[in-house]
N, C-alpha and C. Protein backbone atom coordinates (compact mmCIF):
# COMPACT_ATOMS: atom_id res chain seq x y z
N MET A 1 -54.82 -11.23 0.71
CA MET A 1 -54.40 -12.74 1.36
C MET A 1 -54.12 -13.58 0.21
N ASN A 2 -53.55 -14.08 -0.25
CA ASN A 2 -52.99 -15.28 -1.36
C ASN A 2 -52.47 -16.92 -0.51
N LEU A 3 -53.03 -17.12 -2.05
CA LEU A 3 -53.16 -19.07 -1.60
C LEU A 3 -52.41 -19.72 -2.95
N ASN A 4 -51.34 -20.17 -2.42
CA ASN A 4 -50.63 -21.01 -3.53
C ASN A 4 -50.23 -21.94 -3.20
N PRO A 5 -49.96 -23.25 -4.47
CA PRO A 5 -50.07 -24.52 -4.06
C PRO A 5 -48.07 -24.41 -3.74
N TYR A 6 -47.86 -25.25 -3.03
CA TYR A 6 -46.52 -25.77 -2.73
C TYR A 6 -46.19 -27.16 -2.62
N LEU A 7 -45.74 -27.57 -4.38
CA LEU A 7 -45.38 -28.62 -4.49
C LEU A 7 -44.18 -29.16 -3.82
N ASN A 8 -44.02 -30.67 -3.87
CA ASN A 8 -42.31 -30.61 -3.41
C ASN A 8 -42.09 -32.41 -4.70
N PHE A 9 -41.32 -32.35 -4.87
CA PHE A 9 -40.23 -32.80 -6.12
C PHE A 9 -39.51 -33.94 -5.57
N GLU A 10 -39.40 -35.63 -6.02
CA GLU A 10 -38.02 -36.46 -5.43
C GLU A 10 -36.97 -35.88 -6.98
N GLY A 11 -36.57 -34.57 -6.40
CA GLY A 11 -35.57 -34.80 -8.14
C GLY A 11 -35.70 -33.63 -9.28
N THR A 12 -37.26 -33.96 -9.41
CA THR A 12 -37.66 -33.77 -10.61
C THR A 12 -37.94 -31.70 -10.75
N CYS A 13 -37.68 -31.42 -9.76
CA CYS A 13 -38.22 -30.04 -9.28
C CYS A 13 -38.15 -29.48 -10.61
N ARG A 14 -36.53 -28.98 -10.77
CA ARG A 14 -36.29 -28.40 -12.20
C ARG A 14 -37.31 -28.00 -13.92
N GLU A 15 -37.09 -29.92 -13.79
CA GLU A 15 -37.78 -30.36 -15.47
C GLU A 15 -39.20 -30.53 -15.08
N ALA A 16 -39.66 -30.69 -13.92
CA ALA A 16 -41.62 -30.13 -13.71
C ALA A 16 -41.99 -28.70 -14.17
N MET A 17 -41.14 -27.90 -13.45
CA MET A 17 -41.31 -26.44 -13.26
C MET A 17 -41.30 -25.88 -14.97
N GLU A 18 -40.31 -25.87 -15.45
CA GLU A 18 -39.97 -26.24 -16.90
C GLU A 18 -40.76 -26.05 -17.64
N PHE A 19 -41.45 -27.80 -17.40
CA PHE A 19 -42.22 -27.98 -18.58
C PHE A 19 -43.55 -27.23 -17.89
N TYR A 20 -44.39 -26.74 -16.67
CA TYR A 20 -45.73 -26.33 -16.00
C TYR A 20 -45.10 -25.10 -16.34
N ALA A 21 -43.85 -24.62 -16.87
CA ALA A 21 -44.19 -23.12 -17.51
C ALA A 21 -44.38 -23.16 -18.63
N GLU A 22 -44.07 -23.82 -19.75
CA GLU A 22 -44.44 -24.33 -21.06
C GLU A 22 -45.82 -24.85 -21.06
N VAL A 23 -46.10 -25.67 -20.45
CA VAL A 23 -47.76 -25.83 -20.52
C VAL A 23 -48.72 -24.82 -20.60
N LEU A 24 -47.96 -24.46 -19.00
CA LEU A 24 -49.78 -23.11 -18.56
C LEU A 24 -48.72 -21.53 -19.17
N GLY A 25 -47.63 -21.35 -19.92
CA GLY A 25 -47.85 -20.47 -20.48
C GLY A 25 -47.17 -19.27 -18.94
N GLY A 26 -47.15 -20.04 -18.34
CA GLY A 26 -45.96 -19.11 -16.85
C GLY A 26 -44.31 -18.82 -16.73
N LYS A 27 -44.02 -18.35 -16.67
CA LYS A 27 -42.86 -17.42 -16.33
C LYS A 27 -41.93 -17.77 -14.93
N ILE A 28 -40.75 -18.27 -15.03
CA ILE A 28 -39.94 -19.29 -14.10
C ILE A 28 -39.49 -17.68 -13.17
N LEU A 29 -39.93 -17.79 -12.08
CA LEU A 29 -39.92 -16.32 -11.36
C LEU A 29 -38.10 -16.13 -10.31
N THR A 30 -38.03 -18.00 -9.79
CA THR A 30 -37.00 -18.40 -9.15
C THR A 30 -36.42 -19.37 -9.25
N MET A 31 -35.57 -20.35 -9.35
CA MET A 31 -35.14 -20.97 -9.40
C MET A 31 -33.43 -21.14 -8.31
N MET A 32 -34.02 -21.86 -6.99
CA MET A 32 -32.56 -21.54 -6.53
C MET A 32 -32.46 -22.96 -6.08
N THR A 33 -31.10 -23.03 -6.13
CA THR A 33 -30.10 -24.26 -5.67
C THR A 33 -30.44 -25.08 -4.18
N PHE A 34 -29.67 -25.51 -3.45
CA PHE A 34 -29.76 -25.60 -1.91
C PHE A 34 -28.23 -25.21 -1.98
N ALA A 35 -27.11 -25.39 -3.33
CA ALA A 35 -25.83 -24.88 -3.36
C ALA A 35 -26.02 -23.52 -3.17
N GLU A 36 -26.75 -22.60 -3.73
CA GLU A 36 -27.46 -21.65 -4.19
C GLU A 36 -27.74 -20.21 -2.82
N MET A 37 -28.15 -21.08 -1.95
CA MET A 37 -29.13 -20.16 -0.52
C MET A 37 -27.86 -20.22 0.25
N PRO A 38 -28.04 -18.72 1.11
CA PRO A 38 -27.41 -18.12 1.82
C PRO A 38 -27.34 -19.04 3.17
N SER A 39 -25.90 -19.43 3.28
CA SER A 39 -26.00 -20.44 4.78
C SER A 39 -24.48 -20.37 4.91
N ASP A 40 -24.41 -20.31 6.55
CA ASP A 40 -22.85 -20.81 6.96
C ASP A 40 -22.23 -22.12 6.52
N GLN A 41 -23.51 -22.72 6.13
CA GLN A 41 -22.92 -24.39 5.98
C GLN A 41 -23.23 -24.90 5.03
N PRO A 42 -22.52 -25.18 3.91
CA PRO A 42 -22.11 -25.41 2.15
C PRO A 42 -23.39 -26.66 2.56
N ALA A 43 -23.99 -26.60 1.07
CA ALA A 43 -24.78 -27.93 1.24
C ALA A 43 -24.01 -29.60 0.77
N SER A 44 -25.12 -30.69 1.61
CA SER A 44 -24.41 -31.61 1.29
C SER A 44 -24.29 -31.96 -0.60
N PRO A 45 -23.69 -32.61 -0.56
CA PRO A 45 -23.24 -32.94 -2.30
C PRO A 45 -24.28 -34.05 -3.08
N GLU A 46 -25.25 -33.94 -1.98
CA GLU A 46 -26.60 -35.40 -2.69
C GLU A 46 -27.16 -34.32 -3.00
N VAL A 47 -27.47 -33.09 -2.22
CA VAL A 47 -28.87 -31.80 -2.80
C VAL A 47 -27.93 -30.79 -3.44
N ARG A 48 -26.75 -30.51 -3.46
CA ARG A 48 -26.63 -29.10 -3.52
C ARG A 48 -27.02 -28.82 -5.62
N ASP A 49 -27.47 -30.34 -6.18
CA ASP A 49 -28.24 -29.16 -7.30
C ASP A 49 -29.50 -29.66 -7.60
N LEU A 50 -30.11 -30.23 -6.32
CA LEU A 50 -31.55 -29.93 -6.09
C LEU A 50 -32.02 -28.91 -5.12
N VAL A 51 -33.29 -28.40 -6.12
CA VAL A 51 -34.20 -27.07 -6.51
C VAL A 51 -34.71 -27.17 -5.08
N ALA A 52 -34.40 -25.73 -4.50
CA ALA A 52 -34.48 -25.60 -2.91
C ALA A 52 -35.94 -24.69 -2.86
N HIS A 53 -36.11 -23.93 -3.59
CA HIS A 53 -37.32 -23.19 -3.83
C HIS A 53 -37.34 -22.19 -5.27
N ALA A 54 -38.58 -22.73 -5.85
CA ALA A 54 -39.24 -22.28 -7.29
C ALA A 54 -40.18 -21.54 -7.26
N ARG A 55 -40.34 -20.57 -7.75
CA ARG A 55 -41.72 -19.62 -8.02
C ARG A 55 -41.52 -19.86 -9.35
N LEU A 56 -43.38 -19.96 -10.27
CA LEU A 56 -43.85 -20.13 -10.91
C LEU A 56 -45.37 -19.12 -11.92
N ALA A 57 -45.17 -17.98 -11.76
CA ALA A 57 -45.85 -17.22 -12.11
C ALA A 57 -46.81 -17.81 -12.91
N ILE A 58 -48.02 -17.73 -13.28
CA ILE A 58 -49.16 -18.22 -14.17
C ILE A 58 -50.28 -16.87 -14.28
N GLY A 59 -50.26 -16.17 -14.88
CA GLY A 59 -50.82 -14.93 -14.88
C GLY A 59 -50.91 -14.45 -13.91
N ASP A 60 -52.37 -14.23 -12.79
CA ASP A 60 -51.90 -13.72 -11.28
C ASP A 60 -51.32 -14.68 -10.49
N GLU A 61 -51.32 -15.53 -10.64
CA GLU A 61 -51.40 -16.82 -9.71
C GLU A 61 -49.57 -17.55 -9.27
N VAL A 62 -49.19 -17.73 -8.65
CA VAL A 62 -48.00 -18.32 -7.93
C VAL A 62 -48.14 -19.68 -7.50
N LEU A 63 -47.19 -20.76 -8.58
CA LEU A 63 -46.74 -21.73 -8.42
C LEU A 63 -45.58 -22.35 -7.99
N MET A 64 -45.59 -22.82 -6.58
CA MET A 64 -44.38 -22.69 -5.42
C MET A 64 -43.96 -24.15 -5.11
N ALA A 65 -42.59 -24.97 -5.46
CA ALA A 65 -41.95 -26.15 -5.35
C ALA A 65 -40.35 -25.10 -4.97
N SER A 66 -40.65 -27.43 -5.04
CA SER A 66 -39.32 -27.18 -4.26
C SER A 66 -38.91 -29.15 -4.29
N ASP A 67 -37.50 -29.51 -4.61
CA ASP A 67 -36.77 -31.10 -4.52
C ASP A 67 -36.54 -31.27 -2.67
N ALA A 68 -37.55 -32.46 -2.44
CA ALA A 68 -37.20 -32.57 -1.55
C ALA A 68 -36.55 -33.49 -0.60
N PRO A 69 -35.46 -33.20 0.26
CA PRO A 69 -34.81 -34.89 -0.09
C PRO A 69 -35.14 -35.88 0.51
N ALA A 70 -34.39 -36.64 -0.06
CA ALA A 70 -34.95 -38.41 -0.60
C ALA A 70 -35.39 -38.56 1.36
N ASP A 71 -34.97 -37.99 2.11
CA ASP A 71 -35.60 -38.88 2.93
C ASP A 71 -37.15 -38.09 4.01
N ARG A 72 -36.72 -37.20 3.18
CA ARG A 72 -38.56 -36.33 3.35
C ARG A 72 -39.37 -36.51 2.74
N PHE A 73 -39.47 -36.53 1.70
CA PHE A 73 -40.38 -37.25 0.24
C PHE A 73 -41.11 -37.90 0.63
N GLU A 74 -42.93 -37.38 0.49
CA GLU A 74 -43.88 -38.25 0.33
C GLU A 74 -44.72 -37.82 -0.85
N LYS A 75 -44.80 -38.87 -1.52
CA LYS A 75 -46.16 -38.76 -2.79
C LYS A 75 -47.27 -38.05 -1.97
N PRO A 76 -47.54 -37.03 -3.49
CA PRO A 76 -48.73 -35.99 -3.46
C PRO A 76 -49.82 -37.05 -2.92
N GLN A 77 -50.70 -36.61 -2.46
CA GLN A 77 -51.95 -37.33 -2.14
C GLN A 77 -53.34 -36.14 -0.74
N GLY A 78 -54.21 -37.07 -1.78
CA GLY A 78 -55.40 -36.18 -1.02
C GLY A 78 -56.14 -34.56 -1.16
N PHE A 79 -55.31 -33.96 -2.55
CA PHE A 79 -55.71 -33.04 -3.05
C PHE A 79 -55.51 -33.01 -4.92
N TYR A 80 -55.97 -32.07 -5.28
CA TYR A 80 -55.21 -31.81 -6.78
C TYR A 80 -55.24 -30.14 -6.75
N VAL A 81 -53.98 -29.94 -7.76
CA VAL A 81 -53.86 -28.69 -8.34
C VAL A 81 -54.94 -28.37 -9.47
N THR A 82 -56.35 -27.84 -9.52
CA THR A 82 -57.16 -27.45 -10.68
C THR A 82 -56.78 -26.35 -10.99
N LEU A 83 -57.47 -26.06 -12.21
CA LEU A 83 -56.90 -24.93 -13.42
C LEU A 83 -57.89 -24.70 -13.87
N SER A 84 -59.03 -23.69 -13.79
CA SER A 84 -59.47 -23.45 -14.13
C SER A 84 -60.09 -22.38 -15.80
N ILE A 85 -60.40 -23.30 -17.18
CA ILE A 85 -59.65 -22.31 -18.13
C ILE A 85 -60.95 -22.35 -18.56
N LYS A 86 -61.04 -20.59 -19.58
CA LYS A 86 -62.35 -20.73 -19.94
C LYS A 86 -62.93 -21.23 -21.67
N GLU A 87 -62.02 -21.70 -22.26
CA GLU A 87 -61.90 -22.20 -23.63
C GLU A 87 -61.78 -23.79 -23.61
N PRO A 88 -62.62 -24.40 -24.12
CA PRO A 88 -62.82 -26.04 -23.85
C PRO A 88 -61.52 -26.69 -24.60
N ALA A 89 -61.42 -25.78 -26.01
CA ALA A 89 -60.24 -25.90 -26.68
C ALA A 89 -58.70 -26.51 -26.28
N GLU A 90 -58.37 -24.83 -24.56
CA GLU A 90 -57.67 -25.08 -24.62
C GLU A 90 -57.43 -26.08 -23.34
N ALA A 91 -58.19 -25.92 -22.89
CA ALA A 91 -58.69 -26.87 -21.33
C ALA A 91 -58.16 -28.64 -21.90
N GLU A 92 -58.62 -29.37 -23.07
CA GLU A 92 -57.75 -30.30 -24.11
C GLU A 92 -56.68 -30.09 -24.61
N ARG A 93 -56.09 -29.09 -24.80
CA ARG A 93 -54.83 -28.90 -25.04
C ARG A 93 -53.61 -29.27 -23.34
N VAL A 94 -54.35 -28.08 -22.47
CA VAL A 94 -53.79 -28.23 -21.24
C VAL A 94 -53.54 -29.74 -20.64
N TYR A 95 -54.57 -30.20 -20.74
CA TYR A 95 -55.10 -31.76 -20.27
C TYR A 95 -54.12 -33.22 -20.64
N ASN A 96 -54.39 -32.88 -22.00
CA ASN A 96 -53.69 -33.28 -22.87
C ASN A 96 -51.71 -33.46 -22.91
N ALA A 97 -51.27 -32.24 -22.95
CA ALA A 97 -50.27 -31.79 -22.18
C ALA A 97 -49.30 -32.84 -20.60
N LEU A 98 -51.06 -32.25 -19.77
CA LEU A 98 -50.25 -32.83 -18.23
C LEU A 98 -50.26 -34.45 -18.72
N ALA A 99 -51.24 -35.01 -19.25
CA ALA A 99 -51.62 -36.47 -19.16
C ALA A 99 -50.90 -37.44 -20.07
N GLU A 100 -49.69 -36.12 -20.60
CA GLU A 100 -48.89 -37.39 -21.46
C GLU A 100 -47.30 -37.63 -20.04
N GLY A 101 -47.52 -38.81 -20.60
CA GLY A 101 -46.61 -39.75 -19.61
C GLY A 101 -47.07 -39.89 -18.11
N GLY A 102 -48.66 -39.55 -17.94
CA GLY A 102 -48.72 -39.63 -16.51
C GLY A 102 -50.27 -40.68 -16.44
N THR A 103 -50.51 -40.66 -15.18
CA THR A 103 -52.09 -41.27 -14.99
C THR A 103 -52.95 -40.89 -15.36
N VAL A 104 -54.61 -41.12 -16.47
CA VAL A 104 -55.77 -40.33 -16.10
C VAL A 104 -56.90 -41.35 -14.96
N GLY A 105 -57.24 -39.88 -14.19
CA GLY A 105 -58.19 -40.47 -12.94
C GLY A 105 -59.33 -40.24 -13.71
N MET A 106 -59.83 -39.18 -14.50
CA MET A 106 -60.70 -39.41 -15.12
C MET A 106 -60.76 -38.13 -16.86
N PRO A 107 -60.88 -39.24 -17.92
CA PRO A 107 -61.03 -38.70 -18.96
C PRO A 107 -61.72 -37.11 -19.03
N LEU A 108 -61.16 -36.65 -19.20
CA LEU A 108 -61.68 -35.10 -19.68
C LEU A 108 -62.62 -35.39 -20.90
N SER A 109 -63.79 -34.79 -20.25
CA SER A 109 -65.53 -35.22 -20.52
C SER A 109 -66.54 -34.07 -20.49
N GLU A 110 -67.44 -33.92 -20.95
CA GLU A 110 -69.01 -32.74 -20.41
C GLU A 110 -69.81 -33.91 -18.91
N THR A 111 -69.60 -32.61 -17.60
CA THR A 111 -69.99 -32.54 -17.15
C THR A 111 -71.48 -32.03 -17.26
N PHE A 112 -72.35 -32.16 -15.89
CA PHE A 112 -73.31 -31.02 -15.99
C PHE A 112 -73.04 -29.75 -15.96
N TRP A 113 -71.62 -29.37 -14.96
CA TRP A 113 -71.03 -28.47 -14.66
C TRP A 113 -70.38 -27.64 -15.71
N ALA A 114 -69.71 -28.91 -16.51
CA ALA A 114 -69.07 -28.38 -16.75
C ALA A 114 -68.36 -28.60 -18.42
N GLN A 115 -68.19 -27.71 -19.68
CA GLN A 115 -67.76 -28.46 -20.93
C GLN A 115 -66.68 -29.18 -20.58
N LYS A 116 -65.73 -29.11 -20.26
CA LYS A 116 -64.49 -30.24 -19.75
C LYS A 116 -64.34 -30.12 -18.63
N PHE A 117 -64.49 -31.53 -18.24
CA PHE A 117 -63.88 -31.87 -16.93
C PHE A 117 -62.63 -33.11 -16.95
N GLY A 118 -62.59 -32.88 -16.34
CA GLY A 118 -60.98 -33.80 -16.16
C GLY A 118 -59.81 -34.25 -15.30
N MET A 119 -59.50 -36.04 -14.55
CA MET A 119 -58.05 -35.57 -13.46
C MET A 119 -57.38 -36.66 -13.78
N LEU A 120 -55.90 -36.01 -13.47
CA LEU A 120 -54.96 -36.85 -13.54
C LEU A 120 -53.68 -36.80 -12.73
N LYS A 121 -53.27 -37.29 -13.07
CA LYS A 121 -51.22 -37.78 -12.44
C LYS A 121 -50.36 -37.33 -13.65
N ASP A 122 -50.26 -36.32 -13.25
CA ASP A 122 -48.85 -35.95 -14.73
C ASP A 122 -47.72 -36.89 -14.37
N ARG A 123 -46.71 -36.57 -14.86
CA ARG A 123 -45.45 -37.72 -14.94
C ARG A 123 -44.45 -37.45 -13.53
N PHE A 124 -44.64 -36.18 -13.08
CA PHE A 124 -44.30 -36.13 -12.02
C PHE A 124 -45.07 -36.69 -10.92
N GLY A 125 -46.28 -36.93 -10.85
CA GLY A 125 -46.46 -37.18 -10.08
C GLY A 125 -47.62 -36.05 -9.34
N THR A 126 -47.48 -34.68 -9.43
CA THR A 126 -48.56 -34.04 -9.40
C THR A 126 -50.06 -34.31 -9.78
N PRO A 127 -51.24 -34.51 -8.87
CA PRO A 127 -52.54 -35.07 -9.13
C PRO A 127 -53.22 -33.68 -9.69
N TRP A 128 -54.06 -33.40 -11.10
CA TRP A 128 -54.95 -32.39 -11.66
C TRP A 128 -55.85 -31.96 -11.78
N MET A 129 -56.38 -31.09 -11.59
CA MET A 129 -57.98 -30.96 -12.19
C MET A 129 -58.03 -30.26 -12.62
N ILE A 130 -59.16 -30.71 -14.35
CA ILE A 130 -58.83 -29.65 -15.25
C ILE A 130 -60.49 -29.40 -15.70
N ASN A 131 -60.61 -28.04 -15.19
CA ASN A 131 -62.00 -27.75 -15.23
C ASN A 131 -62.17 -26.28 -15.95
N CYS A 132 -63.57 -26.71 -16.73
CA CYS A 132 -63.94 -25.94 -17.97
C CYS A 132 -65.59 -25.53 -18.10
N GLU A 133 -66.00 -24.53 -16.51
CA GLU A 133 -66.90 -24.46 -16.57
C GLU A 133 -67.97 -24.00 -17.45
N ARG A 134 -69.76 -24.55 -17.52
CA ARG A 134 -70.57 -24.04 -18.29
C ARG A 134 -70.93 -22.41 -17.93
N PRO A 135 -70.70 -22.03 -18.65
CA PRO A 135 -71.45 -20.06 -19.04
C PRO A 135 -72.45 -20.37 -18.21
N ASN A 136 -72.74 -19.86 -16.97
CA ASN A 136 -73.88 -19.51 -15.72
C ASN A 136 -74.63 -21.00 -15.25
N TRP A 137 -73.61 -21.66 -15.18
CA TRP A 137 -74.23 -22.80 -14.75
C TRP A 137 -74.69 -22.85 -13.52
N GLN A 138 -73.38 -22.59 -12.65
CA GLN A 138 -74.54 -22.13 -11.36
C GLN A 138 -75.81 -21.58 -10.70
N ALA A 139 -75.88 -20.39 -11.95
CA ALA A 139 -77.20 -19.61 -11.97
C ALA A 139 -78.48 -20.47 -12.44
N GLN A 140 -78.60 -21.44 -13.25
CA GLN A 140 -78.86 -21.83 -13.90
C GLN A 140 -79.45 -23.29 -12.72
N ALA A 141 -78.41 -23.44 -12.40
CA ALA A 141 -78.42 -24.64 -11.01
C ALA A 141 -79.88 -24.26 -9.90
N SER A 142 -79.14 -22.82 -9.35
CA SER A 142 -80.09 -22.42 -8.39
C SER A 142 -81.23 -22.14 -9.06
N SER A 143 -81.57 -21.65 -10.30
CA SER A 143 -82.65 -21.40 -10.91
C SER A 143 -83.64 -22.66 -10.48
N ALA A 144 -83.44 -23.67 -10.75
CA ALA A 144 -84.07 -24.82 -11.00
C ALA A 144 -84.38 -25.59 -9.65
N ALA A 145 -83.58 -25.01 -8.83
CA ALA A 145 -84.10 -25.59 -7.30
C ALA A 145 -85.32 -24.30 -6.38
């Protein structure tokens, strides 16, 4: 079984997925518009160029997305897409790239469990957590208890 986030955008899916591919070192596997979908009914003019389905491979993980028609779009809330990054410098690079033009919720900083941890909403409205755990922090916490 795989668990894959599926993001909805308000007309910016293509731009967002291309940005995520660049920042996260991923590869876009699928980017299909509503006009390209097999159907016996053509897509309406207002949605024909919007992304109906996109798949972005990032290592062994997949991030999927689409544009939602205006009457069905809801701003993301109640979740974060979390990136676990091993190297602090890479965590900083990714955090800074995603934060550009977005809103910082928690600046990237050191915590008891992480060398670097931060929260933000990117310029597309996607909420992210960037986590660079301390090596063996869970084992150390368990032994202290």
